Amino acid sequence: MTMLFLAAATFALPTVLFCADLMDEYDAEEKHRVTLQVSRWCSLYILSAYVAFLLFQLYTHVDVFKGEEDDSDEKASLSPIWAGFLLFLVTCFVAASSEWLV
């Protein structure tokens, strides 16, 4: 099972459960309560899977995360102020796009 499939399944499961014919016998408040509970359990499941995947990567691929000492002569291409400004600008753009789409 890949992480992408796991993420897609955990995001889709509460929606599918909410729209299922099985939930028609419950009133609206009960449907929302059950859907919220399933959504929370899915988020805990995907969080634990992500942490396990991260720990696995860090312990089995140590050589990938070690930096080489020969590259210490390279200078940063962006100053911290310029990088912070670009981060702020892109965040504002994403927020505006999100508001426009919704």
C-alpha atoms as a PDB file:
ATOM      1  CA  MET A   1       0.000   0.000   0.000  1.00  0.00           C
ATOM      2  CA  THR A   2       1.538   3.307  -0.997  1.00  0.00           C
ATOM      3  CA  MET A   3       1.358   6.491   1.029  1.00  0.00           C
ATOM      4  CA  LEU A   4      -0.557   8.211  -1.772  1.00  0.00           C
ATOM      5  CA  PHE A   5      -3.279   5.569  -1.736  1.00  0.00           C
ATOM      6  CA  LEU A   6      -3.423   5.716   2.041  1.00  0.00           C
ATOM      7  CA  ALA A   7      -3.800   9.497   1.971  1.00  0.00           C
ATOM      8  CA  ALA A   8      -6.502   9.371  -0.703  1.00  0.00           C
ATOM      9  CA  ALA A   9      -8.404   6.650   1.134  1.00  0.00           C
ATOM     10  CA  THR A  10      -8.344   8.431   4.480  1.00  0.00           C
ATOM     11  CA  PHE A  11      -9.517  11.679   2.916  1.00  0.00           C
ATOM     12  CA  ALA A  12     -12.302   9.973   0.956  1.00  0.00           C
ATOM     13  CA  LEU A  13     -13.568   7.617   3.672  1.00  0.00           C
ATOM     14  CA  PRO A  14     -15.481  10.203   5.789  1.00  0.00           C
ATOM     15  CA  THR A  15     -17.184  11.618   2.686  1.00  0.00           C
ATOM     16  CA  VAL A  16     -18.183   8.203   1.419  1.00  0.00           C
ATOM     17  CA  LEU A  17     -19.454   7.225   4.856  1.00  0.00           C
ATOM     18  CA  PHE A  18     -21.507  10.428   5.128  1.00  0.00           C
ATOM     19  CA  CYS A  19     -23.155   9.802   1.747  1.00  0.00           C
ATOM     20  CA  ALA A  20     -23.724   6.067   2.260  1.00  0.00           C
ATOM     21  CA  ASP A  21     -27.238   4.660   2.356  1.00  0.00           C
ATOM     22  CA  LEU A  22     -26.384   3.041   5.678  1.00  0.00           C
ATOM     23  CA  MET A  23     -26.298   6.486   7.333  1.00  0.00           C
ATOM     24  CA  ASP A  24     -29.819   7.447   6.143  1.00  0.00           C
ATOM     25  CA  GLU A  25     -31.406   5.923   9.244  1.00  0.00           C
ATOM     26  CA  TYR A  26     -29.571   8.424  11.508  1.00  0.00           C
ATOM     27  CA  ASP A  27     -30.583  12.031  12.015  1.00  0.00           C
ATOM     28  CA  ALA A  28     -28.326  14.846  10.751  1.00  0.00           C
ATOM     29  CA  GLU A  29     -26.599  15.460  14.089  1.00  0.00           C
ATOM     30  CA  GLU A  30     -25.767  11.779  14.541  1.00  0.00           C
ATOM     31  CA  LYS A  31     -24.443  11.570  10.959  1.00  0.00           C
ATOM     32  CA  HIS A  32     -22.130  14.513  11.608  1.00  0.00           C
ATOM     33  CA  ARG A  33     -20.937  13.021  14.896  1.00  0.00           C
ATOM     34  CA  VAL A  34     -20.115   9.640  13.345  1.00  0.00           C
ATOM     35  CA  THR A  35     -18.445  11.257  10.330  1.00  0.00           C
ATOM     36  CA  LEU A  36     -16.348  13.490  12.580  1.00  0.00           C
ATOM     37  CA  GLN A  37     -15.281  10.502  14.670  1.00  0.00           C
ATOM     38  CA  VAL A  38     -14.265   8.530  11.553  1.00  0.00           C
ATOM     39  CA  SER A  39     -12.418  11.560  10.212  1.00  0.00           C
ATOM     40  CA  ARG A  40     -10.453  11.928  13.443  1.00  0.00           C
ATOM     41  CA  TRP A  41      -9.502   8.253  13.487  1.00  0.00           C
ATOM     42  CA  CYS A  42      -8.393   8.491   9.848  1.00  0.00           C
ATOM     43  CA  SER A  43      -6.245  11.523  10.626  1.00  0.00           C
ATOM     44  CA  LEU A  44      -4.596   9.704  13.543  1.00  0.00           C
ATOM     45  CA  TYR A  45      -3.981   6.688  11.322  1.00  0.00           C
ATOM     46  CA  ILE A  46      -2.373   8.713   8.555  1.00  0.00           C
ATOM     47  CA  LEU A  47      -0.300  10.690  11.078  1.00  0.00           C
ATOM     48  CA  SER A  48       1.052   7.499  12.622  1.00  0.00           C
ATOM     49  CA  ALA A  49       1.790   6.061   9.175  1.00  0.00           C
ATOM     50  CA  TYR A  50       3.658   9.228   8.231  1.00  0.00           C
ATOM     51  CA  VAL A  51       5.730   9.155  11.429  1.00  0.00           C
ATOM     52  CA  ALA A  52       6.543   5.476  10.882  1.00  0.00           C
ATOM     53  CA  PHE A  53       7.535   6.191   7.281  1.00  0.00           C
ATOM     54  CA  LEU A  54       9.717   9.121   8.368  1.00  0.00           C
ATOM     55  CA  LEU A  55      11.460   7.069  11.061  1.00  0.00           C
ATOM     56  CA  PHE A  56      12.000   4.247   8.598  1.00  0.00           C
ATOM     57  CA  GLN A  57      13.559   6.632   6.065  1.00  0.00           C
ATOM     58  CA  LEU A  58      15.788   8.279   8.667  1.00  0.00           C
ATOM     59  CA  TYR A  59      17.128   4.994  10.035  1.00  0.00           C
ATOM     60  CA  THR A  60      17.548   3.059   6.789  1.00  0.00           C
ATOM     61  CA  HIS A  61      18.807   5.860   4.516  1.00  0.00           C
ATOM     62  CA  VAL A  62      21.258   7.643   6.786  1.00  0.00           C
ATOM     63  CA  ASP A  63      23.770   8.162   3.973  1.00  0.00           C
ATOM     64  CA  VAL A  64      21.249  10.184   1.940  1.00  0.00           C
ATOM     65  CA  PHE A  65      20.747  12.714   4.742  1.00  0.00           C
ATOM     66  CA  LYS A  66      24.433  13.225   5.527  1.00  0.00           C
ATOM     67  CA  GLY A  67      25.912  16.303   3.904  1.00  0.00           C
ATOM     68  CA  GLU A  68      29.148  16.205   1.992  1.00  0.00           C
ATOM     69  CA  GLU A  69      31.969  18.340   3.355  1.00  0.00           C
ATOM     70  CA  ASP A  70      33.204  19.305  -0.131  1.00  0.00           C
ATOM     71  CA  ASP A  71      30.152  21.489  -0.779  1.00  0.00           C
ATOM     72  CA  SER A  72      30.874  23.905   2.095  1.00  0.00           C
ATOM     73  CA  ASP A  73      32.247  26.503  -0.365  1.00  0.00           C
ATOM     74  CA  GLU A  74      28.823  27.156  -1.883  1.00  0.00           C
ATOM     75  CA  LYS A  75      27.123  30.401  -0.964  1.00  0.00           C
ATOM     76  CA  ALA A  76      23.385  30.686  -0.408  1.00  0.00           C
ATOM     77  CA  SER A  77      21.627  32.053  -3.468  1.00  0.00           C
ATOM     78  CA  LEU A  78      18.938  33.867  -1.435  1.00  0.00           C
ATOM     79  CA  SER A  79      19.361  35.992   1.632  1.00  0.00           C
ATOM     80  CA  PRO A  80      17.109  35.133   4.593  1.00  0.00           C
ATOM     81  CA  ILE A  81      15.195  38.407   4.208  1.00  0.00           C
ATOM     82  CA  TRP A  82      14.556  37.827   0.498  1.00  0.00           C
ATOM     83  CA  ALA A  83      13.532  34.200   1.152  1.00  0.00           C
ATOM     84  CA  GLY A  84      11.130  35.335   3.895  1.00  0.00           C
ATOM     85  CA  PHE A  85       9.622  37.953   1.570  1.00  0.00           C
ATOM     86  CA  LEU A  86       9.116  35.364  -1.189  1.00  0.00           C
ATOM     87  CA  LEU A  87       7.544  32.966   1.301  1.00  0.00           C
ATOM     88  CA  PHE A  88       5.146  35.684   2.447  1.00  0.00           C
ATOM     89  CA  LEU A  89       4.310  36.632  -1.153  1.00  0.00           C
ATOM     90  CA  VAL A  90       3.604  33.049  -2.212  1.00  0.00           C
ATOM     91  CA  THR A  91       1.523  32.457   0.934  1.00  0.00           C
ATOM     92  CA  CYS A  92      -0.598  35.513   0.109  1.00  0.00           C
ATOM     93  CA  PHE A  93      -1.006  34.273  -3.457  1.00  0.00           C
ATOM     94  CA  VAL A  94      -2.114  30.819  -2.281  1.00  0.00           C
ATOM     95  CA  ALA A  95      -4.564  32.348   0.213  1.00  0.00           C
ATOM     96  CA  ALA A  96      -6.051  34.616  -2.484  1.00  0.00           C
ATOM     97  CA  SER A  97      -6.321  31.699  -4.911  1.00  0.00           C
ATOM     98  CA  SER A  98      -8.030  29.579  -2.265  1.00  0.00           C
ATOM     99  CA  GLU A  99     -10.568  32.297  -1.528  1.00  0.00           C
ATOM    100  CA  TRP A 100     -11.198  32.807  -5.237  1.00  0.00           C
ATOM    101  CA  LEU A 101     -11.777  29.082  -5.838  1.00  0.00           C
ATOM    102  CA  VAL A 102     -14.167  28.690  -2.941  1.00  0.00           C
END
